[in-house]
Structures are given as structure tokens and as C-alpha cells.
Amino acid sequence: SLTPEDTAVYYCRSNGYRHDVWGEGTQV
């Protein structure tokens, strides 16, 4: 049920103790 307000670059992230990794993003 996507709307124009969902338009963005989406990033995933994994984080925790001594750990923080980001992806570079994907455009929606």
C-alpha cells in the first residue's frame, strides 16, 4: 500500500556491541 510519502532512499543497518554497519541505500 505504498504512497508517495514513502519515496525515499532506504538503508539497512546492523548494530550492537562494538558493531555498527550500514548499507549504501536503495532508492524507492
PDB file of all heavy atoms in Angstrom:
ATOM      1  N   SER A   1       0.827  -1.212   0.000  1.00  0.00           N
ATOM      2  CA  SER A   1       0.000   0.000   0.000  1.00  0.00           C
ATOM      3  C   SER A   1       0.854   1.252   0.000  1.00  0.00           C
ATOM      4  O   SER A   1       0.629   2.195   0.767  1.00  0.00           O
ATOM      5  CB  SER A   1      -0.956  -0.011   1.199  1.00  0.00           C
ATOM      6  OG  SER A   1      -1.795  -1.149   1.178  1.00  0.00           O
ATOM      7  N   LEU A   2       1.815   1.282  -0.875  1.00  0.00           N
ATOM      8  CA  LEU A   2       2.775   2.378  -0.900  1.00  0.00           C
ATOM      9  C   LEU A   2       2.126   3.685  -1.343  1.00  0.00           C
ATOM     10  O   LEU A   2       1.218   3.691  -2.178  1.00  0.00           O
ATOM     11  CB  LEU A   2       3.939   2.033  -1.812  1.00  0.00           C
ATOM     12  CG  LEU A   2       4.899   0.990  -1.232  1.00  0.00           C
ATOM     13  CD1 LEU A   2       5.759   0.394  -2.333  1.00  0.00           C
ATOM     14  CD2 LEU A   2       5.780   1.629  -0.153  1.00  0.00           C
ATOM     15  N   THR A   3       2.610   4.770  -0.771  1.00  0.00           N
ATOM     16  CA  THR A   3       2.156   6.113  -1.098  1.00  0.00           C
ATOM     17  C   THR A   3       3.353   6.962  -1.497  1.00  0.00           C
ATOM     18  O   THR A   3       4.501   6.609  -1.219  1.00  0.00           O
ATOM     19  CB  THR A   3       1.445   6.769   0.095  1.00  0.00           C
ATOM     20  OG1 THR A   3       2.415   7.199   1.058  1.00  0.00           O
ATOM     21  CG2 THR A   3       0.469   5.807   0.753  1.00  0.00           C
ATOM     22  N   PRO A   4       3.106   8.098  -2.149  1.00  0.00           N
ATOM     23  CA  PRO A   4       4.235   8.976  -2.491  1.00  0.00           C
ATOM     24  C   PRO A   4       5.064   9.406  -1.292  1.00  0.00           C
ATOM     25  O   PRO A   4       6.261   9.692  -1.448  1.00  0.00           O
ATOM     26  CB  PRO A   4       3.542  10.169  -3.163  1.00  0.00           C
ATOM     27  CG  PRO A   4       2.314   9.581  -3.761  1.00  0.00           C
ATOM     28  CD  PRO A   4       1.856   8.548  -2.777  1.00  0.00           C
ATOM     29  N   GLU A   5       4.461   9.441  -0.101  1.00  0.00           N
ATOM     30  CA  GLU A   5       5.193   9.811   1.107  1.00  0.00           C
ATOM     31  C   GLU A   5       6.226   8.765   1.506  1.00  0.00           C
ATOM     32  O   GLU A   5       7.083   9.041   2.350  1.00  0.00           O
ATOM     33  CB  GLU A   5       4.224  10.055   2.261  1.00  0.00           C
ATOM     34  CG  GLU A   5       3.406  11.343   2.145  1.00  0.00           C
ATOM     35  CD  GLU A   5       2.361  11.276   1.042  1.00  0.00           C
ATOM     36  OE1 GLU A   5       1.734  10.205   0.865  1.00  0.00           O
ATOM     37  OE2 GLU A   5       2.166  12.299   0.359  1.00  0.00           O
ATOM     38  N   ASP A   6       6.153   7.584   0.928  1.00  0.00           N
ATOM     39  CA  ASP A   6       7.153   6.551   1.183  1.00  0.00           C
ATOM     40  C   ASP A   6       8.386   6.702   0.303  1.00  0.00           C
ATOM     41  O   ASP A   6       9.354   5.949   0.473  1.00  0.00           O
ATOM     42  CB  ASP A   6       6.551   5.162   0.977  1.00  0.00           C
ATOM     43  CG  ASP A   6       5.430   4.854   1.952  1.00  0.00           C
ATOM     44  OD1 ASP A   6       5.606   5.111   3.161  1.00  0.00           O
ATOM     45  OD2 ASP A   6       4.378   4.345   1.507  1.00  0.00           O
ATOM     46  N   THR A   7       8.355   7.621  -0.629  1.00  0.00           N
ATOM     47  CA  THR A   7       9.501   7.834  -1.501  1.00  0.00           C
ATOM     48  C   THR A   7      10.704   8.287  -0.687  1.00  0.00           C
ATOM     49  O   THR A   7      10.635   9.276   0.050  1.00  0.00           O
ATOM     50  CB  THR A   7       9.177   8.877  -2.575  1.00  0.00           C
ATOM     51  OG1 THR A   7       8.151   8.372  -3.433  1.00  0.00           O
ATOM     52  CG2 THR A   7      10.403   9.205  -3.412  1.00  0.00           C
ATOM     53  N   ALA A   8      11.804   7.564  -0.812  1.00  0.00           N
ATOM     54  CA  ALA A   8      12.997   7.851  -0.025  1.00  0.00           C
ATOM     55  C   ALA A   8      14.101   6.902  -0.450  1.00  0.00           C
ATOM     56  O   ALA A   8      13.865   5.924  -1.171  1.00  0.00           O
ATOM     57  CB  ALA A   8      12.721   7.672   1.473  1.00  0.00           C
ATOM     58  N   VAL A   9      15.295   7.191   0.023  1.00  0.00           N
ATOM     59  CA  VAL A   9      16.367   6.216  -0.015  1.00  0.00           C
ATOM     60  C   VAL A   9      16.282   5.394   1.263  1.00  0.00           C
ATOM     61  O   VAL A   9      16.243   5.953   2.363  1.00  0.00           O
ATOM     62  CB  VAL A   9      17.748   6.877  -0.136  1.00  0.00           C
ATOM     63  CG1 VAL A   9      18.853   5.823  -0.112  1.00  0.00           C
ATOM     64  CG2 VAL A   9      17.834   7.698  -1.417  1.00  0.00           C
ATOM     65  N   TYR A  10      16.236   4.092   1.122  1.00  0.00           N
ATOM     66  CA  TYR A  10      16.107   3.179   2.251  1.00  0.00           C
ATOM     67  C   TYR A  10      17.454   2.532   2.549  1.00  0.00           C
ATOM     68  O   TYR A  10      18.135   2.043   1.641  1.00  0.00           O
ATOM     69  CB  TYR A  10      15.061   2.104   1.951  1.00  0.00           C
ATOM     70  CG  TYR A  10      13.643   2.612   2.051  1.00  0.00           C
ATOM     71  CD1 TYR A  10      13.126   3.464   1.088  1.00  0.00           C
ATOM     72  CD2 TYR A  10      12.827   2.255   3.122  1.00  0.00           C
ATOM     73  CE1 TYR A  10      11.833   3.954   1.182  1.00  0.00           C
ATOM     74  CE2 TYR A  10      11.535   2.733   3.226  1.00  0.00           C
ATOM     75  CZ  TYR A  10      11.043   3.582   2.253  1.00  0.00           C
ATOM     76  OH  TYR A  10       9.751   4.059   2.362  1.00  0.00           O
ATOM     77  N   TYR A  11      17.807   2.517   3.825  1.00  0.00           N
ATOM     78  CA  TYR A  11      19.074   1.973   4.290  1.00  0.00           C
ATOM     79  C   TYR A  11      18.828   0.876   5.317  1.00  0.00           C
ATOM     80  O   TYR A  11      17.950   1.007   6.170  1.00  0.00           O
ATOM     81  CB  TYR A  11      19.921   3.050   4.972  1.00  0.00           C
ATOM     82  CG  TYR A  11      20.239   4.255   4.139  1.00  0.00           C
ATOM     83  CD1 TYR A  11      19.376   5.340   4.109  1.00  0.00           C
ATOM     84  CD2 TYR A  11      21.417   4.315   3.409  1.00  0.00           C
ATOM     85  CE1 TYR A  11      19.674   6.464   3.355  1.00  0.00           C
ATOM     86  CE2 TYR A  11      21.720   5.429   2.651  1.00  0.00           C
ATOM     87  CZ  TYR A  11      20.844   6.499   2.633  1.00  0.00           C
ATOM     88  OH  TYR A  11      21.144   7.614   1.886  1.00  0.00           O
ATOM     89  N   CYS A  12      19.628  -0.167   5.275  1.00  0.00           N
ATOM     90  CA  CYS A  12      19.615  -1.131   6.361  1.00  0.00           C
ATOM     91  C   CYS A  12      20.856  -0.948   7.228  1.00  0.00           C
ATOM     92  O   CYS A  12      21.895  -0.453   6.779  1.00  0.00           O
ATOM     93  CB  CYS A  12      19.497  -2.576   5.856  1.00  0.00           C
ATOM     94  SG  CYS A  12      20.856  -3.172   4.842  1.00  0.00           S
ATOM     95  N   ARG A  13      20.699  -1.342   8.491  1.00  0.00           N
ATOM     96  CA  ARG A  13      21.752  -1.168   9.475  1.00  0.00           C
ATOM     97  C   ARG A  13      21.732  -2.333  10.448  1.00  0.00           C
ATOM     98  O   ARG A  13      20.671  -2.773  10.873  1.00  0.00           O
ATOM     99  CB  ARG A  13      21.548   0.148  10.232  1.00  0.00           C
ATOM    100  CG  ARG A  13      22.577   0.439  11.311  1.00  0.00           C
ATOM    101  CD  ARG A  13      22.069   1.521  12.232  1.00  0.00           C
ATOM    102  NE  ARG A  13      23.067   1.953  13.198  1.00  0.00           N
ATOM    103  CZ  ARG A  13      22.814   2.707  14.251  1.00  0.00           C
ATOM    104  NH1 ARG A  13      21.574   3.139  14.472  1.00  0.00           N
ATOM    105  NH2 ARG A  13      23.782   3.049  15.083  1.00  0.00           N
ATOM    106  N   SER A  14      22.905  -2.813  10.795  1.00  0.00           N
ATOM    107  CA  SER A  14      23.068  -3.815  11.828  1.00  0.00           C
ATOM    108  C   SER A  14      23.955  -3.217  12.900  1.00  0.00           C
ATOM    109  O   SER A  14      25.075  -2.776  12.603  1.00  0.00           O
ATOM    110  CB  SER A  14      23.692  -5.091  11.257  1.00  0.00           C
ATOM    111  OG  SER A  14      23.983  -6.024  12.274  1.00  0.00           O
ATOM    112  N   ASN A  15      23.472  -3.195  14.135  1.00  0.00           N
ATOM    113  CA  ASN A  15      24.239  -2.544  15.185  1.00  0.00           C
ATOM    114  C   ASN A  15      24.094  -3.279  16.504  1.00  0.00           C
ATOM    115  O   ASN A  15      23.082  -3.928  16.769  1.00  0.00           O
ATOM    116  CB  ASN A  15      23.818  -1.077  15.340  1.00  0.00           C
ATOM    117  CG  ASN A  15      22.408  -0.920  15.832  1.00  0.00           C
ATOM    118  OD1 ASN A  15      21.453  -1.220  15.115  1.00  0.00           O
ATOM    119  ND2 ASN A  15      22.258  -0.439  17.069  1.00  0.00           N
ATOM    120  N   GLY A  16      25.101  -3.135  17.328  1.00  0.00           N
ATOM    121  CA  GLY A  16      25.139  -3.741  18.642  1.00  0.00           C
ATOM    122  C   GLY A  16      26.448  -3.424  19.313  1.00  0.00           C
ATOM    123  O   GLY A  16      27.112  -2.438  18.973  1.00  0.00           O
ATOM    124  N   TYR A  17      26.823  -4.263  20.257  1.00  0.00           N
ATOM    125  CA  TYR A  17      28.054  -4.046  20.987  1.00  0.00           C
ATOM    126  C   TYR A  17      29.270  -4.119  20.057  1.00  0.00           C
ATOM    127  O   TYR A  17      29.509  -5.149  19.415  1.00  0.00           O
ATOM    128  CB  TYR A  17      28.175  -5.077  22.098  1.00  0.00           C
ATOM    129  CG  TYR A  17      29.430  -4.977  22.911  1.00  0.00           C
ATOM    130  CD1 TYR A  17      29.684  -3.851  23.691  1.00  0.00           C
ATOM    131  CD2 TYR A  17      30.364  -6.003  22.916  1.00  0.00           C
ATOM    132  CE1 TYR A  17      30.834  -3.753  24.443  1.00  0.00           C
ATOM    133  CE2 TYR A  17      31.513  -5.917  23.662  1.00  0.00           C
ATOM    134  CZ  TYR A  17      31.747  -4.785  24.425  1.00  0.00           C
ATOM    135  OH  TYR A  17      32.889  -4.689  25.177  1.00  0.00           O
ATOM    136  N   ARG A  18      29.983  -3.020  19.959  1.00  0.00           N
ATOM    137  CA  ARG A  18      31.181  -2.918  19.118  1.00  0.00           C
ATOM    138  C   ARG A  18      30.892  -3.313  17.667  1.00  0.00           C
ATOM    139  O   ARG A  18      31.724  -3.935  16.994  1.00  0.00           O
ATOM    140  CB  ARG A  18      32.313  -3.760  19.689  1.00  0.00           C
ATOM    141  CG  ARG A  18      32.784  -3.294  21.065  1.00  0.00           C
ATOM    142  CD  ARG A  18      33.872  -4.201  21.622  1.00  0.00           C
ATOM    143  NE  ARG A  18      35.069  -4.211  20.808  1.00  0.00           N
ATOM    144  CZ  ARG A  18      36.063  -3.322  20.920  1.00  0.00           C
ATOM    145  NH1 ARG A  18      36.008  -2.359  21.821  1.00  0.00           N
ATOM    146  NH2 ARG A  18      37.116  -3.415  20.132  1.00  0.00           N
ATOM    147  N   HIS A  19      29.713  -2.928  17.195  1.00  0.00           N
ATOM    148  CA  HIS A  19      29.288  -3.311  15.860  1.00  0.00           C
ATOM    149  C   HIS A  19      28.294  -2.286  15.331  1.00  0.00           C
ATOM    150  O   HIS A  19      27.302  -1.986  15.991  1.00  0.00           O
ATOM    151  CB  HIS A  19      28.643  -4.698  15.906  1.00  0.00           C
ATOM    152  CG  HIS A  19      28.045  -5.142  14.616  1.00  0.00           C
ATOM    153  ND1 HIS A  19      28.796  -5.670  13.587  1.00  0.00           N
ATOM    154  CD2 HIS A  19      26.759  -5.139  14.187  1.00  0.00           C
ATOM    155  CE1 HIS A  19      28.001  -5.967  12.587  1.00  0.00           C
ATOM    156  NE2 HIS A  19      26.763  -5.660  12.921  1.00  0.00           N
ATOM    157  N   ASP A  20      28.571  -1.746  14.169  1.00  0.00           N
ATOM    158  CA  ASP A  20      27.667  -0.801  13.526  1.00  0.00           C
ATOM    159  C   ASP A  20      27.994  -0.781  12.040  1.00  0.00           C
ATOM    160  O   ASP A  20      29.023  -0.238  11.634  1.00  0.00           O
ATOM    161  CB  ASP A  20      27.804   0.595  14.131  1.00  0.00           C
ATOM    162  CG  ASP A  20      26.681   1.532  13.722  1.00  0.00           C
ATOM    163  OD1 ASP A  20      25.799   1.125  12.944  1.00  0.00           O
ATOM    164  OD2 ASP A  20      26.692   2.693  14.185  1.00  0.00           O
ATOM    165  N   VAL A  21      27.124  -1.359  11.249  1.00  0.00           N
ATOM    166  CA  VAL A  21      27.338  -1.477   9.807  1.00  0.00           C
ATOM    167  C   VAL A  21      26.106  -0.952   9.084  1.00  0.00           C
ATOM    168  O   VAL A  21      24.977  -1.314   9.424  1.00  0.00           O
ATOM    169  CB  VAL A  21      27.608  -2.934   9.388  1.00  0.00           C
ATOM    170  CG1 VAL A  21      27.831  -3.036   7.885  1.00  0.00           C
ATOM    171  CG2 VAL A  21      28.816  -3.488  10.138  1.00  0.00           C
ATOM    172  N   TRP A  22      26.338  -0.113   8.104  1.00  0.00           N
ATOM    173  CA  TRP A  22      25.284   0.461   7.261  1.00  0.00           C
ATOM    174  C   TRP A  22      25.453   0.016   5.813  1.00  0.00           C
ATOM    175  O   TRP A  22      26.575  -0.117   5.315  1.00  0.00           O
ATOM    176  CB  TRP A  22      25.343   1.986   7.278  1.00  0.00           C
ATOM    177  CG  TRP A  22      24.949   2.646   8.556  1.00  0.00           C
ATOM    178  CD1 TRP A  22      25.698   2.772   9.690  1.00  0.00           C
ATOM    179  CD2 TRP A  22      23.716   3.319   8.822  1.00  0.00           C
ATOM    180  NE1 TRP A  22      25.002   3.472  10.647  1.00  0.00           N
ATOM    181  CE2 TRP A  22      23.784   3.822  10.138  1.00  0.00           C
ATOM    182  CE3 TRP A  22      22.565   3.549   8.069  1.00  0.00           C
ATOM    183  CZ2 TRP A  22      22.739   4.542  10.718  1.00  0.00           C
ATOM    184  CZ3 TRP A  22      21.523   4.260   8.643  1.00  0.00           C
ATOM    185  CH2 TRP A  22      21.624   4.748   9.957  1.00  0.00           C
ATOM    186  N   GLY A  23      24.338  -0.171   5.139  1.00  0.00           N
ATOM    187  CA  GLY A  23      24.367  -0.305   3.702  1.00  0.00           C
ATOM    188  C   GLY A  23      24.422   1.055   3.037  1.00  0.00           C
ATOM    189  O   GLY A  23      24.295   2.100   3.688  1.00  0.00           O
ATOM    190  N   GLU A  24      24.590   1.057   1.738  1.00  0.00           N
ATOM    191  CA  GLU A  24      24.701   2.307   0.995  1.00  0.00           C
ATOM    192  C   GLU A  24      23.356   2.858   0.540  1.00  0.00           C
ATOM    193  O   GLU A  24      23.300   3.998   0.079  1.00  0.00           O
ATOM    194  CB  GLU A  24      25.621   2.122  -0.203  1.00  0.00           C
ATOM    195  CG  GLU A  24      27.066   1.868   0.193  1.00  0.00           C
ATOM    196  CD  GLU A  24      28.006   1.811  -0.986  1.00  0.00           C
ATOM    197  OE1 GLU A  24      27.520   1.726  -2.132  1.00  0.00           O
ATOM    198  OE2 GLU A  24      29.235   1.864  -0.760  1.00  0.00           O
ATOM    199  N   GLY A  25      22.303   2.092   0.659  1.00  0.00           N
ATOM    200  CA  GLY A  25      20.967   2.571   0.368  1.00  0.00           C
ATOM    201  C   GLY A  25      20.438   2.121  -0.977  1.00  0.00           C
ATOM    202  O   GLY A  25      21.190   1.823  -1.904  1.00  0.00           O
ATOM    203  N   THR A  26      19.111   2.095  -1.069  1.00  0.00           N
ATOM    204  CA  THR A  26      18.424   1.786  -2.319  1.00  0.00           C
ATOM    205  C   THR A  26      17.238   2.730  -2.468  1.00  0.00           C
ATOM    206  O   THR A  26      16.506   2.987  -1.513  1.00  0.00           O
ATOM    207  CB  THR A  26      17.988   0.304  -2.363  1.00  0.00           C
ATOM    208  OG1 THR A  26      17.436   0.001  -3.645  1.00  0.00           O
ATOM    209  CG2 THR A  26      16.973  -0.029  -1.282  1.00  0.00           C
ATOM    210  N   GLN A  27      17.057   3.255  -3.660  1.00  0.00           N
ATOM    211  CA  GLN A  27      16.023   4.250  -3.916  1.00  0.00           C
ATOM    212  C   GLN A  27      14.667   3.589  -4.122  1.00  0.00           C
ATOM    213  O   GLN A  27      14.532   2.656  -4.914  1.00  0.00           O
ATOM    214  CB  GLN A  27      16.383   5.072  -5.157  1.00  0.00           C
ATOM    215  CG  GLN A  27      15.325   6.088  -5.573  1.00  0.00           C
ATOM    216  CD  GLN A  27      15.226   7.250  -4.627  1.00  0.00           C
ATOM    217  OE1 GLN A  27      16.248   7.837  -4.250  1.00  0.00           O
ATOM    218  NE2 GLN A  27      14.004   7.593  -4.226  1.00  0.00           N
ATOM    219  N   VAL A  28      13.665   4.105  -3.419  1.00  0.00           N
ATOM    220  CA  VAL A  28      12.276   3.716  -3.627  1.00  0.00           C
ATOM    221  C   VAL A  28      11.508   4.964  -4.052  1.00  0.00           C
ATOM    222  O   VAL A  28      11.509   5.968  -3.339  1.00  0.00           O
ATOM    223  CB  VAL A  28      11.650   3.119  -2.357  1.00  0.00           C
ATOM    224  CG1 VAL A  28      10.150   2.897  -2.541  1.00  0.00           C
ATOM    225  CG2 VAL A  28      12.339   1.815  -1.987  1.00  0.00           C
TER     226      VAL A  28
END
